Amino acid sequence: MRGLAAILVLMAAPALADRVEPVRVIHPQEIIAPEDVILRDGGGSGLPGLAAIIGQEARVALYPGRAIRPGDIGPPASIERNQLVPLIYSQGGLRIETEGRALGRAGPGEYLRVMNLSSRVTVTGRVTDDGRIEVSR
């Protein structure tokens, strides 16, 4: 009898976390609203919950019945492709500011490739909250 109890304990199913699913098709670049998602039991997606998803931008098409994964969403883009953006390079006491052209879309905290309009060199920098690109080497 003890052996059977030990086997049953070892075979216990893992606890499944809640998952967030869209209730309608959400297209890429759409902002996720509270009425667009629902919390379901089981099959956790690795996301903290509804609060972490609402207000985010869909990076890919999201379909009903499929859990939303962390890579499927991100902060709303504040910079669009081909937009002129300020580039800032700072190191030690040196600070260089110039203008660049965004080569993609990105939101605050994300990395973005930008073409320096003065030198025509492509650099990568991090988008700040105020829409500037901080370039570091």
C-alpha atoms as a PDB file:
ATOM      1  CA  MET A   1       0.000   0.000   0.000  1.00  0.00           C
ATOM      2  CA  ARG A   2       2.861   2.417   0.811  1.00  0.00           C
ATOM      3  CA  GLY A   3       4.437   1.759  -2.564  1.00  0.00           C
ATOM      4  CA  LEU A   4       1.188   2.633  -4.329  1.00  0.00           C
ATOM      5  CA  ALA A   5       0.859   5.892  -2.377  1.00  0.00           C
ATOM      6  CA  ALA A   6       4.453   6.831  -3.239  1.00  0.00           C
ATOM      7  CA  ILE A   7       3.809   6.200  -6.935  1.00  0.00           C
ATOM      8  CA  LEU A   8       0.649   8.322  -6.882  1.00  0.00           C
ATOM      9  CA  VAL A   9       2.521  11.212  -5.259  1.00  0.00           C
ATOM     10  CA  LEU A  10       5.315  11.004  -7.831  1.00  0.00           C
ATOM     11  CA  MET A  11       2.821  10.899 -10.689  1.00  0.00           C
ATOM     12  CA  ALA A  12       0.913  13.992  -9.545  1.00  0.00           C
ATOM     13  CA  ALA A  13       0.306  16.402 -12.402  1.00  0.00           C
ATOM     14  CA  PRO A  14       2.242  19.671 -12.329  1.00  0.00           C
ATOM     15  CA  ALA A  15       0.322  22.772 -11.314  1.00  0.00           C
ATOM     16  CA  LEU A  16      -0.645  24.831 -14.321  1.00  0.00           C
ATOM     17  CA  ALA A  17      -0.654  28.617 -14.154  1.00  0.00           C
ATOM     18  CA  ASP A  18      -3.261  30.843 -15.720  1.00  0.00           C
ATOM     19  CA  ARG A  19      -2.763  31.967 -19.296  1.00  0.00           C
ATOM     20  CA  VAL A  20      -3.936  35.027 -21.182  1.00  0.00           C
ATOM     21  CA  GLU A  21      -5.737  34.567 -24.502  1.00  0.00           C
ATOM     22  CA  PRO A  22      -7.201  37.051 -26.961  1.00  0.00           C
ATOM     23  CA  VAL A  23     -10.990  36.952 -27.433  1.00  0.00           C
ATOM     24  CA  ARG A  24     -10.676  38.214 -31.032  1.00  0.00           C
ATOM     25  CA  VAL A  25      -7.962  38.352 -33.681  1.00  0.00           C
ATOM     26  CA  ILE A  26      -5.505  41.108 -32.724  1.00  0.00           C
ATOM     27  CA  HIS A  27      -3.430  42.321 -35.643  1.00  0.00           C
ATOM     28  CA  PRO A  28       0.235  43.352 -35.405  1.00  0.00           C
ATOM     29  CA  GLN A  29       0.802  46.947 -34.236  1.00  0.00           C
ATOM     30  CA  GLU A  30      -2.592  47.048 -32.466  1.00  0.00           C
ATOM     31  CA  ILE A  31      -2.727  48.190 -28.851  1.00  0.00           C
ATOM     32  CA  ILE A  32      -4.307  45.550 -26.594  1.00  0.00           C
ATOM     33  CA  ALA A  33      -7.403  46.806 -24.744  1.00  0.00           C
ATOM     34  CA  PRO A  34      -9.011  45.226 -21.645  1.00  0.00           C
ATOM     35  CA  GLU A  35     -11.902  43.818 -23.694  1.00  0.00           C
ATOM     36  CA  ASP A  36      -9.465  42.102 -26.113  1.00  0.00           C
ATOM     37  CA  VAL A  37      -8.095  39.497 -23.662  1.00  0.00           C
ATOM     38  CA  ILE A  38      -9.325  36.940 -21.127  1.00  0.00           C
ATOM     39  CA  LEU A  39      -7.643  34.941 -18.350  1.00  0.00           C
ATOM     40  CA  ARG A  40      -7.973  31.142 -18.680  1.00  0.00           C
ATOM     41  CA  ASP A  41      -6.895  28.271 -16.418  1.00  0.00           C
ATOM     42  CA  GLY A  42      -3.829  26.143 -17.179  1.00  0.00           C
ATOM     43  CA  GLY A  43      -0.935  26.190 -19.601  1.00  0.00           C
ATOM     44  CA  GLY A  44       0.789  29.292 -18.275  1.00  0.00           C
ATOM     45  CA  SER A  45       2.354  31.561 -20.884  1.00  0.00           C
ATOM     46  CA  GLY A  46       5.080  33.076 -18.716  1.00  0.00           C
ATOM     47  CA  LEU A  47       3.322  36.432 -18.488  1.00  0.00           C
ATOM     48  CA  PRO A  48       2.416  37.961 -15.109  1.00  0.00           C
ATOM     49  CA  GLY A  49      -1.279  38.448 -15.982  1.00  0.00           C
ATOM     50  CA  LEU A  50      -3.780  40.744 -17.611  1.00  0.00           C
ATOM     51  CA  ALA A  51      -2.281  43.925 -16.190  1.00  0.00           C
ATOM     52  CA  ALA A  52       1.040  43.219 -17.924  1.00  0.00           C
ATOM     53  CA  ILE A  53      -0.635  42.799 -21.315  1.00  0.00           C
ATOM     54  CA  ILE A  54      -3.214  45.571 -21.429  1.00  0.00           C
ATOM     55  CA  GLY A  55      -1.770  48.644 -23.133  1.00  0.00           C
ATOM     56  CA  GLN A  56       0.991  46.674 -24.879  1.00  0.00           C
ATOM     57  CA  GLU A  57       1.345  46.439 -28.658  1.00  0.00           C
ATOM     58  CA  ALA A  58       0.936  43.170 -30.543  1.00  0.00           C
ATOM     59  CA  ARG A  59       4.153  42.291 -32.405  1.00  0.00           C
ATOM     60  CA  VAL A  60       2.497  39.397 -34.286  1.00  0.00           C
ATOM     61  CA  ALA A  61      -1.092  38.388 -35.056  1.00  0.00           C
ATOM     62  CA  LEU A  62      -2.753  36.998 -31.917  1.00  0.00           C
ATOM     63  CA  TYR A  63      -5.552  34.444 -32.327  1.00  0.00           C
ATOM     64  CA  PRO A  64      -8.345  33.371 -29.943  1.00  0.00           C
ATOM     65  CA  GLY A  65      -7.645  30.073 -28.171  1.00  0.00           C
ATOM     66  CA  ARG A  66      -3.850  30.548 -28.256  1.00  0.00           C
ATOM     67  CA  ALA A  67      -1.963  31.801 -25.220  1.00  0.00           C
ATOM     68  CA  ILE A  68      -0.132  35.104 -25.585  1.00  0.00           C
ATOM     69  CA  ARG A  69       3.621  34.579 -25.141  1.00  0.00           C
ATOM     70  CA  PRO A  70       6.112  37.204 -23.894  1.00  0.00           C
ATOM     71  CA  GLY A  71       7.655  37.692 -27.361  1.00  0.00           C
ATOM     72  CA  ASP A  72       4.249  38.326 -28.945  1.00  0.00           C
ATOM     73  CA  ILE A  73       3.823  41.716 -27.288  1.00  0.00           C
ATOM     74  CA  GLY A  74       5.924  44.747 -26.427  1.00  0.00           C
ATOM     75  CA  PRO A  75       5.694  48.399 -25.518  1.00  0.00           C
ATOM     76  CA  PRO A  76       3.840  50.582 -28.032  1.00  0.00           C
ATOM     77  CA  ALA A  77       6.146  51.985 -30.693  1.00  0.00           C
ATOM     78  CA  SER A  78       6.993  55.638 -30.164  1.00  0.00           C
ATOM     79  CA  ILE A  79       9.245  55.754 -33.228  1.00  0.00           C
ATOM     80  CA  GLU A  80       8.110  54.772 -36.712  1.00  0.00           C
ATOM     81  CA  ARG A  81      10.222  53.647 -39.660  1.00  0.00           C
ATOM     82  CA  ASN A  82      11.830  56.568 -41.590  1.00  0.00           C
ATOM     83  CA  GLN A  83      11.119  59.017 -38.763  1.00  0.00           C
ATOM     84  CA  LEU A  84      13.831  61.604 -38.057  1.00  0.00           C
ATOM     85  CA  VAL A  85      15.168  61.087 -34.531  1.00  0.00           C
ATOM     86  CA  PRO A  86      17.854  62.714 -32.381  1.00  0.00           C
ATOM     87  CA  LEU A  87      20.952  60.537 -31.884  1.00  0.00           C
ATOM     88  CA  ILE A  88      22.983  60.967 -28.715  1.00  0.00           C
ATOM     89  CA  TYR A  89      26.434  59.496 -28.151  1.00  0.00           C
ATOM     90  CA  SER A  90      27.915  59.968 -24.666  1.00  0.00           C
ATOM     91  CA  GLN A  91      31.153  58.607 -23.268  1.00  0.00           C
ATOM     92  CA  GLY A  92      32.991  60.158 -20.363  1.00  0.00           C
ATOM     93  CA  GLY A  93      32.851  63.937 -20.840  1.00  0.00           C
ATOM     94  CA  LEU A  94      32.159  63.696 -24.584  1.00  0.00           C
ATOM     95  CA  ARG A  95      28.578  64.182 -25.828  1.00  0.00           C
ATOM     96  CA  ILE A  96      27.665  64.254 -29.513  1.00  0.00           C
ATOM     97  CA  GLU A  97      24.150  65.003 -30.737  1.00  0.00           C
ATOM     98  CA  THR A  98      23.064  64.635 -34.352  1.00  0.00           C
ATOM     99  CA  GLU A  99      20.053  63.608 -36.400  1.00  0.00           C
ATOM    100  CA  GLY A 100      19.276  60.164 -37.754  1.00  0.00           C
ATOM    101  CA  ARG A 101      16.624  58.267 -39.674  1.00  0.00           C
ATOM    102  CA  ALA A 102      14.933  55.290 -37.981  1.00  0.00           C
ATOM    103  CA  LEU A 103      15.264  52.043 -39.942  1.00  0.00           C
ATOM    104  CA  GLY A 104      12.425  50.325 -38.077  1.00  0.00           C
ATOM    105  CA  ARG A 105       9.759  50.730 -35.378  1.00  0.00           C
ATOM    106  CA  ALA A 106      10.524  50.660 -31.660  1.00  0.00           C
ATOM    107  CA  GLY A 107       9.217  51.650 -28.262  1.00  0.00           C
ATOM    108  CA  PRO A 108      10.960  52.941 -25.138  1.00  0.00           C
ATOM    109  CA  GLY A 109      13.699  50.597 -23.924  1.00  0.00           C
ATOM    110  CA  GLU A 110      14.014  48.726 -27.218  1.00  0.00           C
ATOM    111  CA  TYR A 111      17.029  48.769 -29.514  1.00  0.00           C
ATOM    112  CA  LEU A 112      16.714  50.306 -32.966  1.00  0.00           C
ATOM    113  CA  ARG A 113      18.944  50.617 -36.025  1.00  0.00           C
ATOM    114  CA  VAL A 114      19.312  54.223 -37.133  1.00  0.00           C
ATOM    115  CA  MET A 115      21.177  55.810 -40.052  1.00  0.00           C
ATOM    116  CA  ASN A 116      23.246  58.846 -39.044  1.00  0.00           C
ATOM    117  CA  LEU A 117      22.273  61.506 -41.597  1.00  0.00           C
ATOM    118  CA  SER A 118      25.639  63.279 -41.373  1.00  0.00           C
ATOM    119  CA  SER A 119      27.896  60.289 -42.005  1.00  0.00           C
ATOM    120  CA  ARG A 120      25.409  57.790 -43.552  1.00  0.00           C
ATOM    121  CA  VAL A 121      26.663  55.177 -41.054  1.00  0.00           C
ATOM    122  CA  THR A 122      24.128  52.782 -39.547  1.00  0.00           C
ATOM    123  CA  VAL A 123      24.263  52.565 -35.735  1.00  0.00           C
ATOM    124  CA  THR A 124      22.200  50.784 -33.107  1.00  0.00           C
ATOM    125  CA  GLY A 125      20.897  52.536 -30.030  1.00  0.00           C
ATOM    126  CA  ARG A 126      18.347  52.278 -27.270  1.00  0.00           C
ATOM    127  CA  VAL A 127      15.127  54.316 -27.449  1.00  0.00           C
ATOM    128  CA  THR A 128      14.607  56.605 -24.451  1.00  0.00           C
ATOM    129  CA  ASP A 129      11.247  57.610 -22.977  1.00  0.00           C
ATOM    130  CA  ASP A 130      11.417  60.996 -24.722  1.00  0.00           C
ATOM    131  CA  GLY A 131      12.054  59.489 -28.193  1.00  0.00           C
ATOM    132  CA  ARG A 132      15.808  59.992 -28.440  1.00  0.00           C
ATOM    133  CA  ILE A 133      18.261  57.262 -29.416  1.00  0.00           C
ATOM    134  CA  GLU A 134      21.193  56.672 -27.072  1.00  0.00           C
ATOM    135  CA  VAL A 135      24.056  55.146 -29.014  1.00  0.00           C
ATOM    136  CA  SER A 136      26.844  53.314 -27.172  1.00  0.00           C
ATOM    137  CA  ARG A 137      29.845  51.350 -28.320  1.00  0.00           C
END
